[in-house]
Amino acid sequence: MTVLDRIKKVSKMRGYNLTKVNDLANLGKNTIYSWKNKEPSYNNVQAVADVLGVSVDYLLGNTDDMHANKKDKSTVDLIAAHWDIDLDNLSKEEKAIVMARARDYVKGLVDAFESK
């Protein structure tokens, strides 16, 4: 599996298309698509790995463990990344509040659907 194939796979799992990943990684237009024919730079692969929450080693095919050598993001950071919300300026405590409210909201929705 190529770098591009792995990026496509994880992007799909995260609900992103390649254009969205390209934009979130702040890469030039169609940079990821160009990797079909040329070798990506390490810095660009690192940017994509950060957006997708996987390790560079995984994207490069050095391991099948998506999180090998990767400091895992917190759940709230992963949710925020998925919803394209910037939480960088929030403290740990504020992030915990966001997570608690998000959990309560989602639980309420699930309960409402289950009660139908």
PDB file of N, CA and C in Angstrom:
ATOM      1  N   MET A   1       0.848  -1.175   0.000  1.00  0.00           N
ATOM      2  CA  MET A   1       0.000   0.000   0.000  1.00  0.00           C
ATOM      3  C   MET A   1       0.898   1.244   0.000  1.00  0.00           C
ATOM      4  N   THR A   2       0.598   2.197  -0.867  1.00  0.00           N
ATOM      5  CA  THR A   2       1.412   3.414  -0.977  1.00  0.00           C
ATOM      6  C   THR A   2       1.025   4.437   0.091  1.00  0.00           C
ATOM      7  N   VAL A   3       1.831   5.482   0.203  1.00  0.00           N
ATOM      8  CA  VAL A   3       1.518   6.584   1.122  1.00  0.00           C
ATOM      9  C   VAL A   3       0.143   7.143   0.777  1.00  0.00           C
ATOM     10  N   LEU A   4      -0.104   7.363  -0.491  1.00  0.00           N
ATOM     11  CA  LEU A   4      -1.382   7.916  -0.923  1.00  0.00           C
ATOM     12  C   LEU A   4      -2.532   6.977  -0.565  1.00  0.00           C
ATOM     13  N   ASP A   5      -2.341   5.677  -0.756  1.00  0.00           N
ATOM     14  CA  ASP A   5      -3.385   4.700  -0.410  1.00  0.00           C
ATOM     15  C   ASP A   5      -3.709   4.751   1.084  1.00  0.00           C
ATOM     16  N   ARG A   6      -2.670   4.853   1.904  1.00  0.00           N
ATOM     17  CA  ARG A   6      -2.889   4.907   3.357  1.00  0.00           C
ATOM     18  C   ARG A   6      -3.597   6.199   3.754  1.00  0.00           C
ATOM     19  N   ILE A   7      -3.234   7.290   3.121  1.00  0.00           N
ATOM     20  CA  ILE A   7      -3.890   8.567   3.415  1.00  0.00           C
ATOM     21  C   ILE A   7      -5.369   8.489   3.014  1.00  0.00           C
ATOM     22  N   LYS A   8      -5.645   7.911   1.860  1.00  0.00           N
ATOM     23  CA  LYS A   8      -7.032   7.761   1.422  1.00  0.00           C
ATOM     24  C   LYS A   8      -7.826   6.919   2.418  1.00  0.00           C
ATOM     25  N   LYS A   9      -7.228   5.828   2.866  1.00  0.00           N
ATOM     26  CA  LYS A   9      -7.895   4.917   3.802  1.00  0.00           C
ATOM     27  C   LYS A   9      -8.245   5.625   5.110  1.00  0.00           C
ATOM     28  N   VAL A  10      -7.268   6.293   5.702  1.00  0.00           N
ATOM     29  CA  VAL A  10      -7.503   6.952   6.997  1.00  0.00           C
ATOM     30  C   VAL A  10      -8.426   8.155   6.817  1.00  0.00           C
ATOM     31  N   SER A  11      -8.272   8.877   5.731  1.00  0.00           N
ATOM     32  CA  SER A  11      -9.150  10.018   5.472  1.00  0.00           C
ATOM     33  C   SER A  11     -10.602   9.571   5.431  1.00  0.00           C
ATOM     34  N   LYS A  12     -10.852   8.486   4.748  1.00  0.00           N
ATOM     35  CA  LYS A  12     -12.207   7.956   4.656  1.00  0.00           C
ATOM     36  C   LYS A  12     -12.723   7.567   6.043  1.00  0.00           C
ATOM     37  N   MET A  13     -11.874   6.937   6.845  1.00  0.00           N
ATOM     38  CA  MET A  13     -12.256   6.563   8.209  1.00  0.00           C
ATOM     39  C   MET A  13     -12.612   7.787   9.048  1.00  0.00           C
ATOM     40  N   ARG A  14     -11.946   8.903   8.789  1.00  0.00           N
ATOM     41  CA  ARG A  14     -12.157  10.128   9.561  1.00  0.00           C
ATOM     42  C   ARG A  14     -13.273  11.007   8.970  1.00  0.00           C
ATOM     43  N   GLY A  15     -13.802  10.590   7.823  1.00  0.00           N
ATOM     44  CA  GLY A  15     -14.871  11.349   7.188  1.00  0.00           C
ATOM     45  C   GLY A  15     -14.378  12.534   6.371  1.00  0.00           C
ATOM     46  N   TYR A  16     -13.129  12.464   5.946  1.00  0.00           N
ATOM     47  CA  TYR A  16     -12.539  13.543   5.156  1.00  0.00           C
ATOM     48  C   TYR A  16     -12.317  13.084   3.724  1.00  0.00           C
ATOM     49  N   ASN A  17     -12.363  14.037   2.790  1.00  0.00           N
ATOM     50  CA  ASN A  17     -11.866  13.751   1.457  1.00  0.00           C
ATOM     51  C   ASN A  17     -10.433  14.298   1.391  1.00  0.00           C
ATOM     52  N   LEU A  18      -9.713  13.969   0.334  1.00  0.00           N
ATOM     53  CA  LEU A  18      -8.307  14.380   0.258  1.00  0.00           C
ATOM     54  C   LEU A  18      -8.138  15.886   0.164  1.00  0.00           C
ATOM     55  N   THR A  19      -9.084  16.560  -0.449  1.00  0.00           N
ATOM     56  CA  THR A  19      -9.007  18.027  -0.524  1.00  0.00           C
ATOM     57  C   THR A  19      -9.070  18.627   0.872  1.00  0.00           C
ATOM     58  N   LYS A  20      -9.948  18.095   1.726  1.00  0.00           N
ATOM     59  CA  LYS A  20     -10.085  18.589   3.105  1.00  0.00           C
ATOM     60  C   LYS A  20      -8.793  18.333   3.886  1.00  0.00           C
ATOM     61  N   VAL A  21      -8.229  17.152   3.767  1.00  0.00           N
ATOM     62  CA  VAL A  21      -6.973  16.830   4.452  1.00  0.00           C
ATOM     63  C   VAL A  21      -5.871  17.756   3.961  1.00  0.00           C
ATOM     64  N   ASN A  22      -5.798  17.948   2.666  1.00  0.00           N
ATOM     65  CA  ASN A  22      -4.805  18.833   2.059  1.00  0.00           C
ATOM     66  C   ASN A  22      -4.911  20.239   2.663  1.00  0.00           C
ATOM     67  N   ASP A  23      -6.147  20.744   2.784  1.00  0.00           N
ATOM     68  CA  ASP A  23      -6.377  22.083   3.332  1.00  0.00           C
ATOM     69  C   ASP A  23      -6.038  22.151   4.818  1.00  0.00           C
ATOM     70  N   LEU A  24      -6.480  21.146   5.591  1.00  0.00           N
ATOM     71  CA  LEU A  24      -6.208  21.139   7.029  1.00  0.00           C
ATOM     72  C   LEU A  24      -4.714  21.050   7.330  1.00  0.00           C
ATOM     73  N   ALA A  25      -3.967  20.406   6.426  1.00  0.00           N
ATOM     74  CA  ALA A  25      -2.518  20.276   6.600  1.00  0.00           C
ATOM     75  C   ALA A  25      -1.772  21.494   6.060  1.00  0.00           C
ATOM     76  N   ASN A  26      -2.522  22.464   5.531  1.00  0.00           N
ATOM     77  CA  ASN A  26      -1.939  23.690   4.976  1.00  0.00           C
ATOM     78  C   ASN A  26      -0.934  23.407   3.865  1.00  0.00           C
ATOM     79  N   LEU A  27      -1.301  22.478   2.993  1.00  0.00           N
ATOM     80  CA  LEU A  27      -0.431  22.134   1.872  1.00  0.00           C
ATOM     81  C   LEU A  27      -0.891  22.893   0.633  1.00  0.00           C
ATOM     82  N   GLY A  28       0.000  23.010  -0.327  1.00  0.00           N
ATOM     83  CA  GLY A  28      -0.343  23.665  -1.585  1.00  0.00           C
ATOM     84  C   GLY A  28      -1.435  22.901  -2.308  1.00  0.00           C
ATOM     85  N   LYS A  29      -2.098  23.568  -3.238  1.00  0.00           N
ATOM     86  CA  LYS A  29      -3.209  22.967  -3.963  1.00  0.00           C
ATOM     87  C   LYS A  29      -2.808  21.633  -4.599  1.00  0.00           C
ATOM     88  N   ASN A  30      -3.608  20.617  -4.333  1.00  0.00           N
ATOM     89  CA  ASN A  30      -3.439  19.265  -4.899  1.00  0.00           C
ATOM     90  C   ASN A  30      -2.120  18.595  -4.535  1.00  0.00           C
ATOM     91  N   THR A  31      -1.483  19.031  -3.443  1.00  0.00           N
ATOM     92  CA  THR A  31      -0.205  18.424  -3.048  1.00  0.00           C
ATOM     93  C   THR A  31      -0.341  16.929  -2.810  1.00  0.00           C
ATOM     94  N   ILE A  32      -1.357  16.539  -2.050  1.00  0.00           N
ATOM     95  CA  ILE A  32      -1.517  15.107  -1.747  1.00  0.00           C
ATOM     96  C   ILE A  32      -1.740  14.308  -3.024  1.00  0.00           C
ATOM     97  N   TYR A  33      -2.553  14.823  -3.933  1.00  0.00           N
ATOM     98  CA  TYR A  33      -2.796  14.114  -5.195  1.00  0.00           C
ATOM     99  C   TYR A  33      -1.500  13.921  -5.982  1.00  0.00           C
ATOM    100  N   SER A  34      -0.572  14.863  -5.862  1.00  0.00           N
ATOM    101  CA  SER A  34       0.691  14.764  -6.607  1.00  0.00           C
ATOM    102  C   SER A  34       1.560  13.610  -6.127  1.00  0.00           C
ATOM    103  N   TRP A  35       1.278  13.090  -4.947  1.00  0.00           N
ATOM    104  CA  TRP A  35       2.077  11.993  -4.402  1.00  0.00           C
ATOM    105  C   TRP A  35       1.834  10.676  -5.126  1.00  0.00           C
ATOM    106  N   LYS A  36       0.886  10.681  -6.031  1.00  0.00           N
ATOM    107  CA  LYS A  36       0.674   9.495  -6.863  1.00  0.00           C
ATOM    108  C   LYS A  36       1.886   9.276  -7.763  1.00  0.00           C
ATOM    109  N   ASN A  37       2.541  10.389  -8.143  1.00  0.00           N
ATOM    110  CA  ASN A  37       3.655  10.314  -9.090  1.00  0.00           C
ATOM    111  C   ASN A  37       4.996  10.756  -8.529  1.00  0.00           C
ATOM    112  N   LYS A  38       5.003  11.331  -7.328  1.00  0.00           N
ATOM    113  CA  LYS A  38       6.288  11.765  -6.770  1.00  0.00           C
ATOM    114  C   LYS A  38       6.328  11.548  -5.263  1.00  0.00           C
ATOM    115  N   GLU A  39       7.523  11.481  -4.746  1.00  0.00           N
ATOM    116  CA  GLU A  39       7.756  11.230  -3.323  1.00  0.00           C
ATOM    117  C   GLU A  39       7.440  12.487  -2.504  1.00  0.00           C
ATOM    118  N   PRO A  40       6.618  12.347  -1.445  1.00  0.00           N
ATOM    119  CA  PRO A  40       6.321  13.519  -0.608  1.00  0.00           C
ATOM    120  C   PRO A  40       7.486  13.861   0.310  1.00  0.00           C
ATOM    121  N   SER A  41       7.555  15.123   0.727  1.00  0.00           N
ATOM    122  CA  SER A  41       8.574  15.515   1.698  1.00  0.00           C
ATOM    123  C   SER A  41       8.151  15.036   3.086  1.00  0.00           C
ATOM    124  N   TYR A  42       9.120  14.846   3.950  1.00  0.00           N
ATOM    125  CA  TYR A  42       8.829  14.402   5.319  1.00  0.00           C
ATOM    126  C   TYR A  42       7.908  15.396   6.019  1.00  0.00           C
ATOM    127  N   ASN A  43       8.184  16.689   5.871  1.00  0.00           N
ATOM    128  CA  ASN A  43       7.376  17.708   6.553  1.00  0.00           C
ATOM    129  C   ASN A  43       5.913  17.654   6.112  1.00  0.00           C
ATOM    130  N   ASN A  44       5.685  17.422   4.838  1.00  0.00           N
ATOM    131  CA  ASN A  44       4.308  17.319   4.360  1.00  0.00           C
ATOM    132  C   ASN A  44       3.622  16.069   4.886  1.00  0.00           C
ATOM    133  N   VAL A  45       4.341  14.954   4.916  1.00  0.00           N
ATOM    134  CA  VAL A  45       3.770  13.721   5.467  1.00  0.00           C
ATOM    135  C   VAL A  45       3.465  13.923   6.958  1.00  0.00           C
ATOM    136  N   GLN A  46       4.348  14.603   7.672  1.00  0.00           N
ATOM    137  CA  GLN A  46       4.120  14.880   9.089  1.00  0.00           C
ATOM    138  C   GLN A  46       2.863  15.726   9.280  1.00  0.00           C
ATOM    139  N   ALA A  47       2.670  16.723   8.434  1.00  0.00           N
ATOM    140  CA  ALA A  47       1.483  17.579   8.527  1.00  0.00           C
ATOM    141  C   ALA A  47       0.208  16.766   8.308  1.00  0.00           C
ATOM    142  N   VAL A  48       0.226  15.872   7.340  1.00  0.00           N
ATOM    143  CA  VAL A  48      -0.936  15.023   7.067  1.00  0.00           C
ATOM    144  C   VAL A  48      -1.152  14.042   8.223  1.00  0.00           C
ATOM    145  N   ALA A  49      -0.081  13.463   8.726  1.00  0.00           N
ATOM    146  CA  ALA A  49      -0.191  12.538   9.866  1.00  0.00           C
ATOM    147  C   ALA A  49      -0.825  13.238  11.066  1.00  0.00           C
ATOM    148  N   ASP A  50      -0.436  14.470  11.307  1.00  0.00           N
ATOM    149  CA  ASP A  50      -1.009  15.236  12.420  1.00  0.00           C
ATOM    150  C   ASP A  50      -2.503  15.476  12.219  1.00  0.00           C
ATOM    151  N   VAL A  51      -2.897  15.816  11.013  1.00  0.00           N
ATOM    152  CA  VAL A  51      -4.321  16.043  10.717  1.00  0.00           C
ATOM    153  C   VAL A  51      -5.122  14.758  10.925  1.00  0.00           C
ATOM    154  N   LEU A  52      -4.571  13.642  10.487  1.00  0.00           N
ATOM    155  CA  LEU A  52      -5.288  12.368  10.548  1.00  0.00           C
ATOM    156  C   LEU A  52      -5.131  11.647  11.887  1.00  0.00           C
ATOM    157  N   GLY A  53      -4.224  12.118  12.735  1.00  0.00           N
ATOM    158  CA  GLY A  53      -4.030  11.483  14.039  1.00  0.00           C
ATOM    159  C   GLY A  53      -3.349  10.133  13.962  1.00  0.00           C
ATOM    160  N   VAL A  54      -2.451   9.986  12.996  1.00  0.00           N
ATOM    161  CA  VAL A  54      -1.678   8.748  12.854  1.00  0.00           C
ATOM    162  C   VAL A  54      -0.192   9.080  12.824  1.00  0.00           C
ATOM    163  N   SER A  55       0.627   8.058  12.866  1.00  0.00           N
ATOM    164  CA  SER A  55       2.068   8.287  12.831  1.00  0.00           C
ATOM    165  C   SER A  55       2.577   8.395  11.397  1.00  0.00           C
ATOM    166  N   VAL A  56       3.691   9.070  11.254  1.00  0.00           N
ATOM    167  CA  VAL A  56       4.366   9.138   9.959  1.00  0.00           C
ATOM    168  C   VAL A  56       4.769   7.733   9.531  1.00  0.00           C
ATOM    169  N   ASP A  57       5.258   6.932  10.470  1.00  0.00           N
ATOM    170  CA  ASP A  57       5.650   5.558  10.149  1.00  0.00           C
ATOM    171  C   ASP A  57       4.502   4.766   9.534  1.00  0.00           C
ATOM    172  N   TYR A  58       3.294   4.981  10.036  1.00  0.00           N
ATOM    173  CA  TYR A  58       2.138   4.294   9.456  1.00  0.00           C
ATOM    174  C   TYR A  58       1.924   4.744   8.010  1.00  0.00           C
ATOM    175  N   LEU A  59       1.919   6.054   7.790  1.00  0.00           N
ATOM    176  CA  LEU A  59       1.681   6.556   6.431  1.00  0.00           C
ATOM    177  C   LEU A  59       2.762   6.094   5.462  1.00  0.00           C
ATOM    178  N   LEU A  60       3.988   5.987   5.939  1.00  0.00           N
ATOM    179  CA  LEU A  60       5.090   5.557   5.075  1.00  0.00           C
ATOM    180  C   LEU A  60       5.127   4.048   4.869  1.00  0.00           C
ATOM    181  N   GLY A  61       4.276   3.308   5.583  1.00  0.00           N
ATOM    182  CA  GLY A  61       4.240   1.861   5.426  1.00  0.00           C
ATOM    183  C   GLY A  61       5.266   1.124   6.252  1.00  0.00           C
ATOM    184  N   ASN A  62       5.886   1.812   7.216  1.00  0.00           N
ATOM    185  CA  ASN A  62       6.884   1.165   8.068  1.00  0.00           C
ATOM    186  C   ASN A  62       6.260   0.326   9.175  1.00  0.00           C
ATOM    187  N   THR A  63       4.970   0.524   9.418  1.00  0.00           N
ATOM    188  CA  THR A  63       4.237  -0.240  10.422  1.00  0.00           C
ATOM    189  C   THR A  63       2.766  -0.245  10.041  1.00  0.00           C
ATOM    190  N   ASP A  64       2.050  -1.265  10.532  1.00  0.00           N
ATOM    191  CA  ASP A  64       0.607  -1.310  10.330  1.00  0.00           C
ATOM    192  C   ASP A  64      -0.134  -0.760  11.544  1.00  0.00           C
ATOM    193  N   ASP A  65       0.617  -0.359  12.563  1.00  0.00           N
ATOM    194  CA  ASP A  65       0.047   0.262  13.762  1.00  0.00           C
ATOM    195  C   ASP A  65      -0.094   1.755  13.484  1.00  0.00           C
ATOM    196  N   MET A  66      -1.326   2.228  13.396  1.00  0.00           N
ATOM    197  CA  MET A  66      -1.560   3.631  13.045  1.00  0.00           C
ATOM    198  C   MET A  66      -0.937   4.613  14.034  1.00  0.00           C
ATOM    199  N   HIS A  67      -0.751   4.178  15.265  1.00  0.00           N
ATOM    200  CA  HIS A  67      -0.277   5.099  16.292  1.00  0.00           C
ATOM    201  C   HIS A  67       1.142   4.805  16.774  1.00  0.00           C
ATOM    202  N   ALA A  68       1.875   3.993  16.028  1.00  0.00           N
ATOM    203  CA  ALA A  68       3.255   3.699  16.415  1.00  0.00           C
ATOM    204  C   ALA A  68       4.059   4.997  16.454  1.00  0.00           C
ATOM    205  N   ASN A  69       4.794   5.195  17.527  1.00  0.00           N
ATOM    206  CA  ASN A  69       5.638   6.381  17.690  1.00  0.00           C
ATOM    207  C   ASN A  69       4.841   7.679  17.623  1.00  0.00           C
ATOM    208  N   LYS A  70       3.567   7.626  17.912  1.00  0.00           N
ATOM    209  CA  LYS A  70       2.712   8.801  17.838  1.00  0.00           C
ATOM    210  C   LYS A  70       2.148   9.088  19.219  1.00  0.00           C
ATOM    211  N   LYS A  71       2.328  10.312  19.666  1.00  0.00           N
ATOM    212  CA  LYS A  71       1.725  10.731  20.918  1.00  0.00           C
ATOM    213  C   LYS A  71       0.238  10.942  20.626  1.00  0.00           C
ATOM    214  N   ASP A  72      -0.596  10.089  21.214  1.00  0.00           N
ATOM    215  CA  ASP A  72      -2.022  10.160  20.930  1.00  0.00           C
ATOM    216  C   ASP A  72      -2.633  11.472  21.393  1.00  0.00           C
ATOM    217  N   LYS A  73      -3.512  11.991  20.565  1.00  0.00           N
ATOM    218  CA  LYS A  73      -4.273  13.174  20.943  1.00  0.00           C
ATOM    219  C   LYS A  73      -5.367  12.739  21.907  1.00  0.00           C
ATOM    220  N   SER A  74      -5.840  13.669  22.704  1.00  0.00           N
ATOM    221  CA  SER A  74      -6.948  13.372  23.591  1.00  0.00           C
ATOM    222  C   SER A  74      -8.217  13.203  22.764  1.00  0.00           C
ATOM    223  N   THR A  75      -9.208  12.579  23.349  1.00  0.00           N
ATOM    224  CA  THR A  75     -10.477  12.369  22.660  1.00  0.00           C
ATOM    225  C   THR A  75     -11.080  13.693  22.233  1.00  0.00           C
ATOM    226  N   VAL A  76     -11.046  14.683  23.112  1.00  0.00           N
ATOM    227  CA  VAL A  76     -11.636  15.976  22.768  1.00  0.00           C
ATOM    228  C   VAL A  76     -10.894  16.615  21.593  1.00  0.00           C
ATOM    229  N   ASP A  77      -9.587  16.453  21.516  1.00  0.00           N
ATOM    230  CA  ASP A  77      -8.833  16.988  20.383  1.00  0.00           C
ATOM    231  C   ASP A  77      -9.183  16.263  19.082  1.00  0.00           C
ATOM    232  N   LEU A  78      -9.405  14.959  19.161  1.00  0.00           N
ATOM    233  CA  LEU A  78      -9.788  14.198  17.972  1.00  0.00           C
ATOM    234  C   LEU A  78     -11.175  14.604  17.492  1.00  0.00           C
ATOM    235  N   ILE A  79     -12.104  14.785  18.435  1.00  0.00           N
ATOM    236  CA  ILE A  79     -13.454  15.217  18.067  1.00  0.00           C
ATOM    237  C   ILE A  79     -13.397  16.603  17.446  1.00  0.00           C
ATOM    238  N   ALA A  80     -12.643  17.506  18.058  1.00  0.00           N
ATOM    239  CA  ALA A  80     -12.526  18.874  17.535  1.00  0.00           C
ATOM    240  C   ALA A  80     -11.920  18.860  16.133  1.00  0.00           C
ATOM    241  N   ALA A  81     -10.907  18.034  15.914  1.00  0.00           N
ATOM    242  CA  ALA A  81     -10.287  17.944  14.590  1.00  0.00           C
ATOM    243  C   ALA A  81     -11.295  17.410  13.567  1.00  0.00           C
ATOM    244  N   HIS A  82     -12.070  16.421  13.982  1.00  0.00           N
ATOM    245  CA  HIS A  82     -13.072  15.847  13.080  1.00  0.00           C
ATOM    246  C   HIS A  82     -14.112  16.892  12.692  1.00  0.00           C
ATOM    247  N   TRP A  83     -14.506  17.743  13.632  1.00  0.00           N
ATOM    248  CA  TRP A  83     -15.516  18.772  13.371  1.00  0.00           C
ATOM    249  C   TRP A  83     -14.886  20.079  12.913  1.00  0.00           C
ATOM    250  N   ASP A  84     -13.569  20.086  12.713  1.00  0.00           N
ATOM    251  CA  ASP A  84     -12.846  21.271  12.239  1.00  0.00           C
ATOM    252  C   ASP A  84     -13.042  22.464  13.185  1.00  0.00           C
ATOM    253  N   ILE A  85     -12.857  22.199  14.489  1.00  0.00           N
ATOM    254  CA  ILE A  85     -12.972  23.220  15.531  1.00  0.00           C
ATOM    255  C   ILE A  85     -11.599  23.398  16.174  1.00  0.00           C
ATOM    256  N   ASP A  86     -11.165  24.633  16.327  1.00  0.00           N
ATOM    257  CA  ASP A  86      -9.864  24.936  16.917  1.00  0.00           C
ATOM    258  C   ASP A  86     -10.009  25.124  18.433  1.00  0.00           C
ATOM    259  N   LEU A  87      -9.401  24.218  19.198  1.00  0.00           N
ATOM    260  CA  LEU A  87      -9.451  24.294  20.661  1.00  0.00           C
ATOM    261  C   LEU A  87      -8.091  24.650  21.260  1.00  0.00           C
ATOM    262  N   ASP A  88      -7.153  25.065  20.430  1.00  0.00           N
ATOM    263  CA  ASP A  88      -5.784  25.298  20.889  1.00  0.00           C
ATOM    264  C   ASP A  88      -5.675  26.334  22.003  1.00  0.00           C
ATOM    265  N   ASN A  89      -6.582  27.298  22.034  1.00  0.00           N
ATOM    266  CA  ASN A  89      -6.492  28.359  23.036  1.00  0.00           C
ATOM    267  C   ASN A  89      -7.214  28.020  24.340  1.00  0.00           C
ATOM    268  N   LEU A  90      -7.769  26.814  24.437  1.00  0.00           N
ATOM    269  CA  LEU A  90      -8.472  26.415  25.654  1.00  0.00           C
ATOM    270  C   LEU A  90      -7.535  25.679  26.603  1.00  0.00           C
ATOM    271  N   SER A  91      -7.780  25.876  27.885  1.00  0.00           N
ATOM    272  CA  SER A  91      -7.008  25.155  28.905  1.00  0.00           C
ATOM    273  C   SER A  91      -7.506  23.711  28.980  1.00  0.00           C
ATOM    274  N   LYS A  92      -6.788  22.876  29.709  1.00  0.00           N
ATOM    275  CA  LYS A  92      -7.185  21.490  29.907  1.00  0.00           C
ATOM    276  C   LYS A  92      -8.573  21.415  30.558  1.00  0.00           C
ATOM    277  N   GLU A  93      -8.795  22.296  31.517  1.00  0.00           N
ATOM    278  CA  GLU A  93     -10.076  22.328  32.223  1.00  0.00           C
ATOM    279  C   GLU A  93     -11.214  22.724  31.279  1.00  0.00           C
ATOM    280  N   GLU A  94     -10.961  23.723  30.436  1.00  0.00           N
ATOM    281  CA  GLU A  94     -11.984  24.159  29.482  1.00  0.00           C
ATOM    282  C   GLU A  94     -12.282  23.060  28.460  1.00  0.00           C
ATOM    283  N   LYS A  95     -11.242  22.341  28.043  1.00  0.00           N
ATOM    284  CA  LYS A  95     -11.446  21.222  27.122  1.00  0.00           C
ATOM    285  C   LYS A  95     -12.290  20.139  27.790  1.00  0.00           C
ATOM    286  N   ALA A  96     -12.075  19.913  29.078  1.00  0.00           N
ATOM    287  CA  ALA A  96     -12.862  18.914  29.807  1.00  0.00           C
ATOM    288  C   ALA A  96     -14.333  19.313  29.847  1.00  0.00           C
ATOM    289  N   ILE A  97     -14.603  20.592  29.992  1.00  0.00           N
ATOM    290  CA  ILE A  97     -15.987  21.082  29.987  1.00  0.00           C
ATOM    291  C   ILE A  97     -16.612  20.863  28.613  1.00  0.00           C
ATOM    292  N   VAL A  98     -15.860  21.193  27.563  1.00  0.00           N
ATOM    293  CA  VAL A  98     -16.349  20.979  26.197  1.00  0.00           C
ATOM    294  C   VAL A  98     -16.688  19.504  26.007  1.00  0.00           C
ATOM    295  N   MET A  99     -15.804  18.614  26.439  1.00  0.00           N
ATOM    296  CA  MET A  99     -16.015  17.179  26.273  1.00  0.00           C
ATOM    297  C   MET A  99     -17.250  16.720  27.041  1.00  0.00           C
ATOM    298  N   ALA A 100     -17.408  17.197  28.264  1.00  0.00           N
ATOM    299  CA  ALA A 100     -18.558  16.795  29.076  1.00  0.00           C
ATOM    300  C   ALA A 100     -19.863  17.236  28.422  1.00  0.00           C
ATOM    301  N   ARG A 101     -19.877  18.457  27.917  1.00  0.00           N
ATOM    302  CA  ARG A 101     -21.102  18.963  27.265  1.00  0.00           C
ATOM    303  C   ARG A 101     -21.376  18.218  25.962  1.00  0.00           C
ATOM    304  N   ALA A 102     -20.332  17.940  25.207  1.00  0.00           N
ATOM    305  CA  ALA A 102     -20.505  17.186  23.960  1.00  0.00           C
ATOM    306  C   ALA A 102     -21.030  15.786  24.265  1.00  0.00           C
ATOM    307  N   ARG A 103     -20.475  15.145  25.289  1.00  0.00           N
ATOM    308  CA  ARG A 103     -20.908  13.798  25.682  1.00  0.00           C
ATOM    309  C   ARG A 103     -22.387  13.820  26.091  1.00  0.00           C
ATOM    310  N   ASP A 104     -22.780  14.808  26.909  1.00  0.00           N
ATOM    311  CA  ASP A 104     -24.176  14.925  27.345  1.00  0.00           C
ATOM    312  C   ASP A 104     -25.108  15.147  26.151  1.00  0.00           C
ATOM    313  N   TYR A 105     -24.682  15.993  25.227  1.00  0.00           N
ATOM    314  CA  TYR A 105     -25.501  16.283  24.048  1.00  0.00           C
ATOM    315  C   TYR A 105     -25.698  15.030  23.202  1.00  0.00           C
ATOM    316  N   VAL A 106     -24.611  14.334  22.912  1.00  0.00           N
ATOM    317  CA  VAL A 106     -24.694  13.137  22.080  1.00  0.00           C
ATOM    318  C   VAL A 106     -25.509  12.058  22.786  1.00  0.00           C
ATOM    319  N   LYS A 107     -25.295  11.894  24.081  1.00  0.00           N
ATOM    320  CA  LYS A 107     -26.064  10.901  24.845  1.00  0.00           C
ATOM    321  C   LYS A 107     -27.550  11.234  24.781  1.00  0.00           C
ATOM    322  N   GLY A 108     -27.905  12.517  24.898  1.00  0.00           N
ATOM    323  CA  GLY A 108     -29.298  12.927  24.805  1.00  0.00           C
ATOM    324  C   GLY A 108     -29.906  12.596  23.452  1.00  0.00           C
ATOM    325  N   LEU A 109     -29.132  12.815  22.394  1.00  0.00           N
ATOM    326  CA  LEU A 109     -29.612  12.473  21.048  1.00  0.00           C
ATOM    327  C   LEU A 109     -29.835  10.966  20.902  1.00  0.00           C
ATOM    328  N   VAL A 110     -28.882  10.191  21.380  1.00  0.00           N
ATOM    329  CA  VAL A 110     -28.991   8.732  21.289  1.00  0.00           C
ATOM    330  C   VAL A 110     -30.202   8.252  22.084  1.00  0.00           C
ATOM    331  N   ASP A 111     -30.357   8.775  23.293  1.00  0.00           N
ATOM    332  CA  ASP A 111     -31.512   8.384  24.122  1.00  0.00           C
ATOM    333  C   ASP A 111     -32.828   8.724  23.429  1.00  0.00           C
ATOM    334  N   ALA A 112     -32.880   9.909  22.787  1.00  0.00           N
ATOM    335  CA  ALA A 112     -34.095  10.323  22.088  1.00  0.00           C
ATOM    336  C   ALA A 112     -34.404   9.387  20.917  1.00  0.00           C
ATOM    337  N   PHE A 113     -33.394   8.974  20.175  1.00  0.00           N
ATOM    338  CA  PHE A 113     -33.614   8.072  19.060  1.00  0.00           C
ATOM    339  C   PHE A 113     -34.032   6.683  19.548  1.00  0.00           C
ATOM    340  N   GLU A 114     -33.425   6.247  20.646  1.00  0.00           N
ATOM    341  CA  GLU A 114     -33.742   4.921  21.168  1.00  0.00           C
ATOM    342  C   GLU A 114     -35.138   4.844  21.751  1.00  0.00           C
ATOM    343  N   SER A 115     -35.679   5.971  22.200  1.00  0.00           N
ATOM    344  CA  SER A 115     -37.000   5.971  22.823  1.00  0.00           C
ATOM    345  C   SER A 115     -38.132   6.033  21.791  1.00  0.00           C
ATOM    346  N   LYS A 116     -37.795   6.207  20.526  1.00  0.00           N
ATOM    347  CA  LYS A 116     -38.834   6.269  19.466  1.00  0.00           C
ATOM    348  C   LYS A 116     -39.411   4.911  19.191  1.00  0.00           C
TER     349      LYS A 116
END
